[in-house]
Amino acid sequence: MIDTSHKIFTINDGSIKNIVGSGKKLVVCYGHFNVIHPGHMRYLKYARSLGDSLIIALLPDAEFHGLGSKNYYPENDRAEGVSLLHIVDSVVILKKGKLDSLMEVIKPSILVLGSEHENERDENIDSAISILEKQQGKVVFHAGETHYGNTDLLYSGIDDLELEKISLFKKACSNQNIELKALEKRLDEIKNVNLLVIGDTIVDQYVACDAMGMSAEAPVLVVRELESREFIGGAAIVASHLRALGASCYFLSVVGDDLHAGHVKEELTKCDVKTQLILDPSRPTTYKIRYMVDNQKLFRVSQLKEHKISTEIEEQVIEKIYKLAPNLDGILVSDFVYGVITEKVLDTVKEVASKYGLRIFGDVQCSSQLGKVTKFKDFDLVFPTEREARLGMENNVDGIERIANSLMQELDSNELLITLGAEGFIAYSKQEDGFMNRQYYPAMTANPVDVTGAGDSMFAAMSACVTAGASLMEASAIGACMASLAVRETGNQPISGKKLKKYLAHICNHSVH
């Protein structure tokens, strides 16, 4: 373990003046930093860019009396955790002192506060701002820049980066008191659940090409088609994952009266998924073609219709939900916003869930369609990406914590999972005492082959685990492993419980130095 004790001070420590330095532009950030996740990193990186030295003002244990030690880590552990970040120069535990006391002692140039404090702040922060302004200092309200990409590979090799991610994953499990070997039992329990997946069906075709060069007539890339392969996608792959993991699974969808629909039914039958496919001649089965050279996708062509299903077909969908509901333990709604999941269908899902005590899970895909995650109000668990969460809250300014809290309130839900693409995801669970338990889980595959369907695989695994009795944090650990496996192969391919157990064993036995 790296020794960072020289970076940690207390507000009453006489040596705190050593962090000031001659002519340094000091920047201060403030918070409890109980669990560090990418949202914090964006905030801290932005703050560090404003000056020469970044100082963390850390809230002491006294601020959390009455909440219980299980909710917050001791101040020394939190200080050590944030001090390990290379962009942090010093950490000051405020102890009995307040933020305003630190302003008086070190006289920083800039205090960076989360954007949520701009309109809502307590006396302590108001006092600190007042003192800083008298010292000609500046206050900046910022949540860090929102982005959806990842730059880690610019600074680390793949092997080193994956070691770091596995280490972070194990730390996350340790934080939540999760024994990795015990997760196998959770996977075994999936065989006891009966689930229904409702949503849009997609067929994905991958076309492998040979790059020929640029056209002589125009600046157009010329490729030669070598071979193609089709995979079932959308809600259909969610159902396939569930069955491969051991759950009994029904799949309900609307497809076109075409060959692609026949292919879907054939593939799902091979996977032992009980299909309930309703034919709609007015809309072809959604078909997406991806052209690739090696592992690089060049572009995608989509053949689809996005109009809402007719009232007649909607009634057929609802009738099947009513018929299946008494024998179910849970329902997964996988909405790609192509018209299958109507408001009336969602109302029916919530109605039968209430009547039969079913767990209900929602996932909406808004990357290239118009959809809103807030449609899943009163669902047990929802799986938006950060972009989808921000679209739902119409907020691209505040930090991810603020977005998550607002979305949970809007959904009237005690649990939420927000995915962050290549950075992984954050799981949120509101405890009975009102405390928000949050945990960041990294994406463990540093250089994925194909990210298509990673979210679908995680949606399936976590929903099955929660339905089988796992906690959100246990299900999250399994979901992180599931997604890591999904991105290692081209195209959507069902991941079996056996394969997932093998990967868990690999992680468990992996030595991280």
Protein backbone atom coordinates (compact mmCIF):
# COMPACT_ATOMS: atom_id res chain seq x y z
CA MET A 1 0.00 0.00 0.00
CA ILE A 2 1.30 3.48 -0.87
CA ASP A 3 2.00 5.61 2.20
CA THR A 4 0.16 8.95 1.87
CA SER A 5 0.22 9.95 5.54
CA HIS A 6 2.35 13.00 4.64
CA LYS A 7 -0.61 14.33 2.65
CA ILE A 8 -3.13 14.13 5.52
CA PHE A 9 -3.61 16.87 8.13
CA THR A 10 -6.19 17.99 10.67
CA ILE A 11 -7.56 21.50 10.94
CA ASN A 12 -5.83 21.97 14.32
CA ASP A 13 -2.50 20.57 13.18
CA GLY A 14 0.23 23.23 13.38
CA SER A 15 1.97 21.79 10.31
CA ILE A 16 -1.06 22.57 8.15
CA LYS A 17 0.65 25.80 7.14
CA ASN A 18 3.21 23.71 5.26
CA ILE A 19 0.67 22.97 2.54
CA VAL A 20 0.34 26.65 1.64
CA GLY A 21 3.69 26.98 -0.10
CA SER A 22 5.16 30.12 -1.59
CA GLY A 23 3.17 31.64 -4.43
CA LYS A 24 0.98 28.55 -4.94
CA LYS A 25 -2.56 28.96 -6.20
CA LEU A 26 -4.53 26.79 -3.78
CA VAL A 27 -7.85 25.20 -4.69
CA VAL A 28 -10.13 23.65 -2.03
CA CYS A 29 -12.87 21.05 -2.52
CA TYR A 30 -15.25 20.09 0.29
CA GLY A 31 -17.22 16.95 1.16
CA HIS A 32 -17.33 13.60 2.98
CA PHE A 33 -15.94 11.46 0.09
CA ASN A 34 -17.29 8.26 1.57
CA VAL A 35 -17.16 6.30 -1.71
CA ILE A 36 -15.14 7.70 -4.63
CA HIS A 37 -16.72 7.25 -8.07
CA PRO A 38 -16.35 8.88 -11.52
CA GLY A 39 -18.69 11.72 -10.53
CA HIS A 40 -16.23 12.76 -7.83
CA MET A 41 -13.30 12.37 -10.23
CA ARG A 42 -14.88 14.78 -12.73
CA TYR A 43 -15.40 17.32 -9.94
CA LEU A 44 -11.86 16.95 -8.60
CA LYS A 45 -10.19 17.01 -12.03
CA TYR A 46 -11.99 20.22 -12.87
CA ALA A 47 -10.98 21.77 -9.55
CA ARG A 48 -7.34 20.72 -10.00
CA SER A 49 -7.24 22.41 -13.42
CA LEU A 50 -7.93 25.78 -11.75
CA GLY A 51 -4.76 25.99 -9.65
CA ASP A 52 -1.40 24.62 -8.55
CA SER A 53 -2.43 22.55 -5.53
CA LEU A 54 -5.69 20.71 -4.73
CA ILE A 55 -6.69 20.48 -1.07
CA ILE A 56 -9.61 18.35 0.13
CA ALA A 57 -11.55 19.67 3.14
CA LEU A 58 -12.94 16.43 4.60
CA LEU A 59 -16.01 16.34 6.84
CA PRO A 60 -15.21 14.64 10.18
CA ASP A 61 -16.93 11.66 11.80
CA ALA A 62 -18.78 14.00 14.17
CA GLU A 63 -20.92 15.15 11.23
CA PHE A 64 -22.40 11.67 10.92
CA HIS A 65 -23.17 10.76 14.53
CA GLY A 66 -26.45 8.85 14.77
CA LEU A 67 -26.20 7.42 11.26
CA GLY A 68 -24.21 4.35 12.34
CA SER A 69 -20.72 3.19 11.42
CA LYS A 70 -22.14 0.85 8.79
CA ASN A 71 -23.13 3.88 6.71
CA TYR A 72 -19.93 5.93 6.77
CA TYR A 73 -16.32 4.88 6.86
CA PRO A 74 -14.13 6.45 9.59
CA GLU A 75 -12.56 9.78 8.73
CA ASN A 76 -9.04 8.33 8.64
CA ASP A 77 -10.10 5.70 6.08
CA ARG A 78 -11.89 8.31 3.97
CA ALA A 79 -8.87 10.61 4.16
CA GLU A 80 -6.54 7.80 3.09
CA GLY A 81 -8.83 6.84 0.21
CA VAL A 82 -8.99 10.33 -1.29
CA SER A 83 -5.29 10.99 -0.63
CA LEU A 84 -4.39 8.06 -2.91
CA LEU A 85 -5.69 10.04 -5.89
CA HIS A 86 -2.70 11.48 -7.73
CA ILE A 87 -4.48 14.79 -8.42
CA VAL A 88 -4.98 15.43 -4.68
CA ASP A 89 -2.08 17.23 -2.99
CA SER A 90 -3.40 17.43 0.59
CA VAL A 91 -6.35 16.31 2.70
CA VAL A 92 -7.47 18.29 5.76
CA ILE A 93 -9.81 16.55 8.22
CA LEU A 94 -11.88 19.40 9.63
CA LYS A 95 -12.38 17.75 13.05
CA LYS A 96 -14.17 20.22 15.34
CA GLY A 97 -13.26 23.08 13.06
CA LYS A 98 -15.46 24.26 10.24
CA LEU A 99 -14.80 25.05 6.60
CA ASP A 100 -14.59 28.76 7.44
CA SER A 101 -11.71 27.99 9.84
CA LEU A 102 -9.76 26.40 7.00
CA MET A 103 -10.37 29.45 4.81
CA GLU A 104 -8.80 31.63 7.51
CA VAL A 105 -5.78 29.36 7.99
CA ILE A 106 -4.68 28.62 4.42
CA LYS A 107 -6.34 31.49 2.50
CA PRO A 108 -6.96 29.59 -0.75
CA SER A 109 -7.42 31.29 -4.10
CA ILE A 110 -10.48 29.22 -5.08
CA LEU A 111 -13.17 27.18 -3.30
CA VAL A 112 -14.93 24.75 -5.66
CA LEU A 113 -18.34 23.56 -4.51
CA GLY A 114 -20.80 21.24 -6.21
CA SER A 115 -23.37 23.07 -8.32
CA GLU A 116 -26.10 21.91 -5.92
CA HIS A 117 -24.71 24.33 -3.31
CA GLU A 118 -25.26 27.38 -5.51
CA ASN A 119 -28.88 27.77 -4.37
CA GLU A 120 -28.96 25.48 -1.32
CA ARG A 121 -26.24 25.78 1.33
CA ASP A 122 -25.91 25.79 5.11
CA GLU A 123 -24.46 28.41 7.47
CA ASN A 124 -21.06 26.71 7.49
CA ILE A 125 -20.65 27.11 3.72
CA ASP A 126 -22.09 30.64 3.75
CA SER A 127 -19.59 31.64 6.42
CA ALA A 128 -16.68 30.09 4.50
CA ILE A 129 -17.72 31.92 1.31
CA SER A 130 -17.96 35.21 3.18
CA ILE A 131 -14.44 34.83 4.64
CA LEU A 132 -12.97 33.77 1.30
CA GLU A 133 -14.47 36.74 -0.53
CA LYS A 134 -13.04 39.13 2.08
CA GLN A 135 -9.65 37.57 1.32
CA GLN A 136 -10.20 38.32 -2.39
CA GLY A 137 -10.67 34.61 -3.07
CA LYS A 138 -13.12 33.15 -5.58
CA VAL A 139 -15.97 30.66 -5.24
CA VAL A 140 -16.79 28.37 -8.18
CA PHE A 141 -19.88 26.16 -8.35
CA HIS A 142 -19.26 23.24 -10.67
CA ALA A 143 -20.07 19.52 -10.85
CA GLY A 144 -17.24 18.65 -13.23
CA GLU A 145 -17.62 18.28 -16.96
CA THR A 146 -20.19 15.76 -18.16
CA HIS A 147 -18.76 13.30 -20.67
CA TYR A 148 -19.60 9.84 -21.96
CA GLY A 149 -16.20 8.64 -23.12
CA ASN A 150 -13.11 7.32 -21.35
CA THR A 151 -9.44 8.32 -21.65
CA ASP A 152 -7.82 5.72 -19.37
CA LEU A 153 -6.01 3.95 -22.22
CA LEU A 154 -4.09 7.14 -22.94
CA TYR A 155 -2.26 6.75 -19.63
CA SER A 156 -2.08 3.01 -18.89
CA GLY A 157 -1.49 -0.24 -20.74
CA ILE A 158 -4.34 -2.74 -21.02
CA ASP A 159 -2.85 -5.21 -18.51
CA ASP A 160 -2.15 -2.55 -15.88
CA LEU A 161 -5.55 -0.98 -16.39
CA GLU A 162 -7.40 -4.29 -15.98
CA LEU A 163 -5.42 -5.03 -12.81
CA GLU A 164 -6.49 -1.65 -11.46
CA LYS A 165 -10.14 -2.29 -12.38
CA ILE A 166 -10.14 -5.72 -10.75
CA SER A 167 -8.64 -4.15 -7.63
CA LEU A 168 -11.40 -1.51 -7.61
CA PHE A 169 -14.03 -4.22 -8.09
CA LYS A 170 -12.71 -6.23 -5.14
CA LYS A 171 -12.62 -3.07 -3.04
CA ALA A 172 -16.25 -2.36 -3.94
CA CYS A 173 -17.25 -5.88 -2.88
CA SER A 174 -15.30 -5.50 0.37
CA ASN A 175 -17.04 -2.18 1.06
CA GLN A 176 -20.41 -3.93 0.76
CA ASN A 177 -19.32 -7.01 2.75
CA ILE A 178 -19.75 -9.24 -0.31
CA GLU A 179 -17.90 -12.54 -0.39
CA LEU A 180 -17.13 -13.32 -4.03
CA LYS A 181 -17.39 -17.08 -3.47
CA ALA A 182 -20.86 -16.59 -1.97
CA LEU A 183 -22.08 -15.06 -5.24
CA GLU A 184 -22.09 -18.54 -6.81
CA LYS A 185 -24.96 -19.42 -4.48
CA ARG A 186 -26.87 -16.38 -5.75
CA LEU A 187 -26.41 -17.61 -9.30
CA ASP A 188 -27.70 -21.07 -8.33
CA GLU A 189 -30.88 -19.46 -6.95
CA ILE A 190 -31.76 -18.01 -10.37
CA LYS A 191 -33.11 -21.42 -11.44
CA ASN A 192 -35.99 -20.89 -9.02
CA VAL A 193 -37.42 -17.80 -10.72
CA ASN A 194 -39.93 -17.47 -13.55
CA LEU A 195 -39.61 -14.27 -15.58
CA LEU A 196 -41.25 -12.48 -18.48
CA VAL A 197 -39.40 -10.15 -20.84
CA ILE A 198 -41.48 -7.64 -22.81
CA GLY A 199 -40.00 -5.33 -25.41
CA ASP A 200 -38.75 -4.61 -28.89
CA THR A 201 -37.14 -7.36 -30.97
CA ILE A 202 -34.00 -6.59 -32.96
CA VAL A 203 -31.91 -8.69 -35.33
CA ASP A 204 -28.29 -7.54 -35.62
CA GLN A 205 -26.26 -8.42 -38.69
CA TYR A 206 -22.48 -8.02 -38.54
CA VAL A 207 -20.73 -7.73 -41.89
CA ALA A 208 -16.97 -8.35 -41.85
CA CYS A 209 -15.21 -6.37 -44.55
CA ASP A 210 -11.78 -5.95 -46.08
CA ALA A 211 -10.66 -2.33 -46.43
CA MET A 212 -9.84 -1.56 -50.08
CA GLY A 213 -8.89 2.09 -49.65
CA MET A 214 -10.38 5.37 -50.83
CA SER A 215 -12.37 5.74 -54.02
CA ALA A 216 -10.57 7.61 -56.84
CA GLU A 217 -13.81 9.40 -57.84
CA ALA A 218 -14.83 10.73 -54.41
CA PRO A 219 -13.63 10.76 -50.76
CA VAL A 220 -15.48 7.53 -50.01
CA LEU A 221 -14.11 4.52 -48.13
CA VAL A 222 -14.29 1.36 -50.26
CA VAL A 223 -14.64 -2.05 -48.57
CA ARG A 224 -15.17 -5.59 -49.79
CA GLU A 225 -17.71 -7.76 -47.97
CA LEU A 226 -16.17 -10.97 -46.65
CA GLU A 227 -18.70 -12.67 -44.41
CA SER A 228 -21.78 -11.86 -42.34
CA ARG A 229 -23.48 -13.24 -39.26
CA GLU A 230 -26.80 -12.53 -37.55
CA PHE A 231 -27.49 -12.23 -33.82
CA ILE A 232 -30.75 -11.68 -31.98
CA GLY A 233 -30.78 -8.42 -30.04
CA GLY A 234 -32.97 -5.95 -28.19
CA ALA A 235 -35.33 -7.51 -25.69
CA ALA A 236 -34.79 -10.93 -27.30
CA ILE A 237 -31.18 -11.19 -26.10
CA VAL A 238 -32.29 -10.22 -22.59
CA ALA A 239 -34.58 -13.27 -22.58
CA SER A 240 -31.78 -15.47 -23.96
CA HIS A 241 -29.39 -14.34 -21.20
CA LEU A 242 -32.00 -15.12 -18.54
CA ARG A 243 -32.56 -18.64 -19.80
CA ALA A 244 -28.81 -19.25 -20.18
CA LEU A 245 -28.38 -18.18 -16.54
CA GLY A 246 -30.97 -20.76 -15.50
CA ALA A 247 -34.21 -18.81 -15.12
CA SER A 248 -37.44 -20.00 -16.67
CA CYS A 249 -38.28 -17.31 -19.21
CA TYR A 250 -41.13 -16.12 -21.43
CA PHE A 251 -40.56 -13.57 -24.20
CA LEU A 252 -43.40 -11.34 -25.40
CA SER A 253 -42.88 -9.05 -28.39
CA VAL A 254 -44.31 -7.73 -31.65
CA VAL A 255 -42.46 -8.64 -34.85
CA GLY A 256 -42.98 -8.28 -38.57
CA ASP A 257 -44.46 -10.90 -40.85
CA ASP A 258 -41.05 -11.65 -42.35
CA LEU A 259 -38.06 -14.00 -42.42
CA HIS A 260 -36.30 -12.11 -39.62
CA ALA A 261 -39.17 -12.93 -37.25
CA GLY A 262 -38.79 -16.60 -38.13
CA HIS A 263 -35.07 -16.38 -37.39
CA VAL A 264 -35.79 -14.86 -33.97
CA LYS A 265 -38.29 -17.57 -33.08
CA GLU A 266 -35.88 -20.28 -34.19
CA GLU A 267 -32.97 -18.88 -32.15
CA LEU A 268 -35.11 -18.38 -29.03
CA THR A 269 -36.46 -21.92 -29.32
CA LYS A 270 -32.86 -23.21 -29.41
CA CYS A 271 -32.25 -21.23 -26.22
CA ASP A 272 -35.35 -22.81 -24.64
CA VAL A 273 -37.14 -19.46 -24.26
CA LYS A 274 -40.94 -19.67 -24.38
CA THR A 275 -41.87 -17.20 -27.12
CA GLN A 276 -45.07 -15.19 -27.44
CA LEU A 277 -44.53 -13.35 -30.73
CA ILE A 278 -47.36 -11.26 -32.20
CA LEU A 279 -47.17 -10.57 -35.94
CA ASP A 280 -47.73 -7.04 -37.21
CA PRO A 281 -47.63 -6.81 -41.05
CA SER A 282 -47.40 -2.99 -40.84
CA ARG A 283 -43.93 -3.02 -39.29
CA PRO A 284 -40.91 -5.15 -40.27
CA THR A 285 -38.83 -6.80 -37.59
CA THR A 286 -36.17 -4.24 -36.67
CA TYR A 287 -32.95 -5.12 -38.50
CA LYS A 288 -29.59 -3.44 -37.97
CA ILE A 289 -26.54 -3.99 -40.16
CA ARG A 290 -23.09 -3.13 -38.84
CA TYR A 291 -20.17 -3.01 -41.26
CA MET A 292 -16.80 -3.78 -39.72
CA VAL A 293 -13.13 -3.95 -40.64
CA ASP A 294 -11.41 -6.15 -38.06
CA ASN A 295 -13.01 -5.05 -34.76
CA GLN A 296 -13.66 -1.50 -35.91
CA LYS A 297 -17.27 -0.63 -36.77
CA LEU A 298 -17.49 1.66 -39.79
CA PHE A 299 -21.19 2.50 -39.73
CA ARG A 300 -24.64 1.05 -39.07
CA VAL A 301 -27.73 0.84 -41.26
CA SER A 302 -31.10 0.35 -39.52
CA GLN A 303 -34.28 -0.99 -41.12
CA LEU A 304 -37.14 -0.17 -38.77
CA LYS A 305 -40.50 1.43 -38.12
CA GLU A 306 -41.04 3.45 -34.95
CA HIS A 307 -44.80 3.96 -34.96
CA LYS A 308 -46.83 2.83 -31.97
CA ILE A 309 -48.50 -0.58 -32.24
CA SER A 310 -52.19 -0.50 -33.12
CA THR A 311 -54.91 -0.70 -30.47
CA GLU A 312 -55.78 -4.22 -31.66
CA ILE A 313 -52.23 -5.51 -31.25
CA GLU A 314 -51.83 -3.61 -27.97
CA GLU A 315 -54.84 -5.51 -26.62
CA GLN A 316 -53.25 -8.81 -27.68
CA VAL A 317 -50.08 -7.90 -25.77
CA ILE A 318 -52.08 -6.95 -22.68
CA GLU A 319 -54.14 -10.15 -22.86
CA LYS A 320 -50.97 -12.24 -22.86
CA ILE A 321 -49.57 -10.32 -19.87
CA TYR A 322 -52.72 -11.04 -17.87
CA LYS A 323 -52.55 -14.70 -18.86
CA LEU A 324 -48.89 -15.17 -17.90
CA ALA A 325 -48.80 -13.01 -14.75
CA PRO A 326 -50.11 -15.57 -12.17
CA ASN A 327 -47.15 -17.88 -12.87
CA LEU A 328 -44.43 -15.21 -12.79
CA ASP A 329 -41.99 -13.89 -10.20
CA GLY A 330 -40.94 -10.82 -12.17
CA ILE A 331 -41.26 -8.83 -15.39
CA LEU A 332 -38.48 -7.12 -17.34
CA VAL A 333 -39.46 -4.29 -19.68
CA SER A 334 -36.79 -3.74 -22.34
CA ASP A 335 -37.90 -0.65 -24.26
CA PHE A 336 -35.99 0.42 -27.37
CA VAL A 337 -38.75 2.95 -28.10
CA TYR A 338 -39.87 1.31 -31.35
CA GLY A 339 -43.54 1.30 -30.38
CA VAL A 340 -44.15 -1.95 -28.45
CA ILE A 341 -44.05 -0.50 -24.94
CA THR A 342 -47.07 1.80 -24.83
CA GLU A 343 -48.41 3.66 -21.82
CA LYS A 344 -51.25 1.15 -21.55
CA VAL A 345 -48.82 -1.79 -21.63
CA LEU A 346 -46.78 -0.19 -18.81
CA ASP A 347 -49.92 0.40 -16.75
CA THR A 348 -50.83 -3.27 -17.20
CA VAL A 349 -47.37 -4.37 -16.04
CA LYS A 350 -47.71 -2.27 -12.88
CA GLU A 351 -51.24 -3.52 -12.29
CA VAL A 352 -50.35 -7.23 -12.45
CA ALA A 353 -47.17 -6.61 -10.41
CA SER A 354 -49.26 -5.12 -7.63
CA LYS A 355 -51.87 -7.88 -7.82
CA TYR A 356 -49.45 -10.83 -7.83
CA GLY A 357 -46.51 -9.37 -5.90
CA LEU A 358 -44.12 -9.38 -8.87
CA ARG A 359 -40.78 -7.58 -9.11
CA ILE A 360 -40.64 -5.25 -12.12
CA PHE A 361 -37.53 -3.90 -13.84
CA GLY A 362 -37.18 -1.29 -16.56
CA ASP A 363 -34.58 -0.39 -19.17
CA VAL A 364 -35.11 2.23 -21.88
CA GLN A 365 -32.75 2.90 -24.79
CA CYS A 366 -32.54 6.57 -25.74
CA SER A 367 -29.23 6.81 -27.61
CA SER A 368 -30.85 7.34 -31.01
CA GLN A 369 -34.56 7.38 -30.11
CA LEU A 370 -36.84 9.66 -28.11
CA GLY A 371 -37.56 7.94 -24.82
CA LYS A 372 -37.77 8.91 -21.17
CA VAL A 373 -36.72 6.83 -18.19
CA THR A 374 -39.30 8.52 -15.95
CA LYS A 375 -41.97 6.33 -17.60
CA PHE A 376 -40.83 3.57 -15.18
CA LYS A 377 -42.32 5.22 -12.10
CA ASP A 378 -43.03 2.70 -9.28
CA PHE A 379 -40.72 0.05 -10.79
CA ASP A 380 -38.48 -1.88 -8.41
CA LEU A 381 -35.28 -1.11 -10.30
CA VAL A 382 -34.44 0.96 -13.37
CA PHE A 383 -31.20 0.87 -15.40
CA PRO A 384 -30.61 4.20 -17.21
CA THR A 385 -27.32 5.33 -18.67
CA GLU A 386 -26.08 8.67 -17.39
CA ARG A 387 -27.25 10.31 -20.62
CA GLU A 388 -30.74 8.78 -20.21
CA ALA A 389 -30.90 9.88 -16.57
CA ARG A 390 -29.95 13.44 -17.53
CA LEU A 391 -32.51 13.45 -20.35
CA GLY A 392 -35.15 12.24 -17.93
CA MET A 393 -34.35 15.00 -15.44
CA GLU A 394 -33.68 17.57 -18.21
CA ASN A 395 -30.45 18.39 -16.38
CA ASN A 396 -27.02 18.40 -17.98
CA VAL A 397 -25.40 20.65 -15.35
CA ASP A 398 -25.54 19.05 -11.91
CA GLY A 399 -23.31 16.23 -10.69
CA ILE A 400 -24.30 12.60 -11.03
CA GLU A 401 -25.24 12.38 -7.33
CA ARG A 402 -27.79 15.14 -7.70
CA ILE A 403 -29.16 13.53 -10.86
CA ALA A 404 -29.48 10.13 -9.13
CA ASN A 405 -31.26 11.54 -6.08
CA SER A 406 -33.67 13.56 -8.22
CA LEU A 407 -34.43 10.59 -10.46
CA MET A 408 -35.09 8.26 -7.53
CA GLN A 409 -37.52 10.79 -6.13
CA GLU A 410 -39.22 11.16 -9.50
CA LEU A 411 -39.49 7.37 -9.92
CA ASP A 412 -40.58 6.90 -6.30
CA SER A 413 -37.96 4.17 -6.05
CA ASN A 414 -35.57 3.08 -3.31
CA GLU A 415 -33.03 1.61 -5.72
CA LEU A 416 -31.42 2.79 -8.93
CA LEU A 417 -28.51 1.88 -11.15
CA ILE A 418 -26.84 4.44 -13.42
CA THR A 419 -24.42 3.10 -16.03
CA LEU A 420 -21.42 5.20 -17.05
CA GLY A 421 -20.29 3.40 -20.20
CA ALA A 422 -16.59 2.51 -20.12
CA GLU A 423 -16.34 3.83 -16.56
CA GLY A 424 -18.71 1.21 -15.13
CA PHE A 425 -21.79 2.04 -13.07
CA ILE A 426 -23.04 3.29 -9.70
CA ALA A 427 -25.66 1.44 -7.66
CA TYR A 428 -27.88 3.43 -5.27
CA SER A 429 -29.95 1.92 -2.48
CA LYS A 430 -31.94 3.94 0.05
CA GLN A 431 -31.82 2.31 3.49
CA GLU A 432 -34.60 2.21 6.09
CA ASP A 433 -32.87 4.94 8.13
CA GLY A 434 -32.88 7.23 5.11
CA PHE A 435 -29.17 6.82 4.38
CA MET A 436 -28.28 6.45 0.70
CA ASN A 437 -25.94 3.50 0.22
CA ARG A 438 -24.05 4.03 -3.02
CA GLN A 439 -21.33 1.93 -4.58
CA TYR A 440 -19.26 2.37 -7.70
CA TYR A 441 -18.43 -0.77 -9.73
CA PRO A 442 -15.81 -0.42 -12.49
CA ALA A 443 -16.02 -1.84 -16.00
CA MET A 444 -13.41 -4.60 -15.76
CA THR A 445 -12.65 -5.13 -19.46
CA ALA A 446 -10.24 -2.35 -20.40
CA ASN A 447 -10.35 -2.76 -24.18
CA PRO A 448 -13.72 -4.26 -25.19
CA VAL A 449 -14.26 -6.00 -28.51
CA ASP A 450 -17.93 -4.98 -28.86
CA VAL A 451 -19.94 -2.98 -26.30
CA THR A 452 -23.26 -3.67 -28.05
CA GLY A 453 -25.50 -5.48 -25.60
CA ALA A 454 -23.37 -4.97 -22.48
CA GLY A 455 -26.25 -3.16 -20.79
CA ASP A 456 -28.72 -5.87 -21.85
CA SER A 457 -26.57 -8.59 -20.29
CA MET A 458 -26.29 -6.68 -17.02
CA PHE A 459 -30.02 -5.90 -17.04
CA ALA A 460 -30.80 -9.60 -17.35
CA ALA A 461 -28.35 -10.85 -14.72
CA MET A 462 -29.18 -8.24 -12.09
CA SER A 463 -32.94 -8.52 -12.52
CA ALA A 464 -32.76 -12.31 -12.17
CA CYS A 465 -30.55 -12.09 -9.08
CA VAL A 466 -32.73 -9.50 -7.34
CA THR A 467 -35.84 -11.55 -8.09
CA ALA A 468 -34.10 -14.61 -6.64
CA GLY A 469 -33.41 -12.75 -3.38
CA ALA A 470 -30.02 -11.08 -3.84
CA SER A 471 -29.42 -7.57 -2.52
CA LEU A 472 -28.86 -4.78 -5.04
CA MET A 473 -25.14 -4.70 -4.20
CA GLU A 474 -24.76 -8.48 -4.63
CA ALA A 475 -26.62 -8.29 -7.93
CA SER A 476 -24.40 -5.37 -8.98
CA ALA A 477 -21.23 -7.40 -8.44
CA ILE A 478 -22.67 -10.19 -10.61
CA GLY A 479 -23.88 -7.66 -13.19
CA ALA A 480 -20.39 -6.13 -13.46
CA CYS A 481 -18.94 -9.57 -14.23
CA MET A 482 -21.72 -10.31 -16.71
CA ALA A 483 -21.08 -7.09 -18.64
CA SER A 484 -17.34 -7.75 -18.64
CA LEU A 485 -17.93 -11.08 -20.37
CA ALA A 486 -20.45 -9.63 -22.83
CA VAL A 487 -18.03 -7.07 -24.29
CA ARG A 488 -15.30 -9.63 -24.96
CA GLU A 489 -17.06 -11.11 -28.00
CA THR A 490 -18.52 -9.72 -31.22
CA GLY A 491 -22.30 -9.61 -31.26
CA ASN A 492 -24.90 -10.54 -28.68
CA GLN A 493 -24.33 -14.05 -27.39
CA PRO A 494 -26.12 -15.57 -24.37
CA ILE A 495 -23.88 -15.94 -21.33
CA SER A 496 -24.41 -19.09 -19.30
CA GLY A 497 -24.38 -19.41 -15.54
CA LYS A 498 -21.46 -21.81 -15.86
CA LYS A 499 -19.39 -19.27 -17.79
CA LEU A 500 -20.25 -16.53 -15.30
CA LYS A 501 -19.25 -18.73 -12.36
CA LYS A 502 -15.93 -19.46 -14.05
CA TYR A 503 -15.27 -15.74 -14.49
CA LEU A 504 -16.19 -15.04 -10.86
CA ALA A 505 -13.70 -17.72 -9.80
CA HIS A 506 -11.07 -16.09 -12.00
CA ILE A 507 -11.68 -12.70 -10.34
CA CYS A 508 -11.73 -14.27 -6.89
CA ASN A 509 -8.37 -15.98 -7.44
CA HIS A 510 -6.78 -13.04 -9.26
CA SER A 511 -3.79 -11.69 -7.38
CA VAL A 512 -3.62 -7.89 -7.47
CA HIS A 513 -0.31 -6.28 -6.54
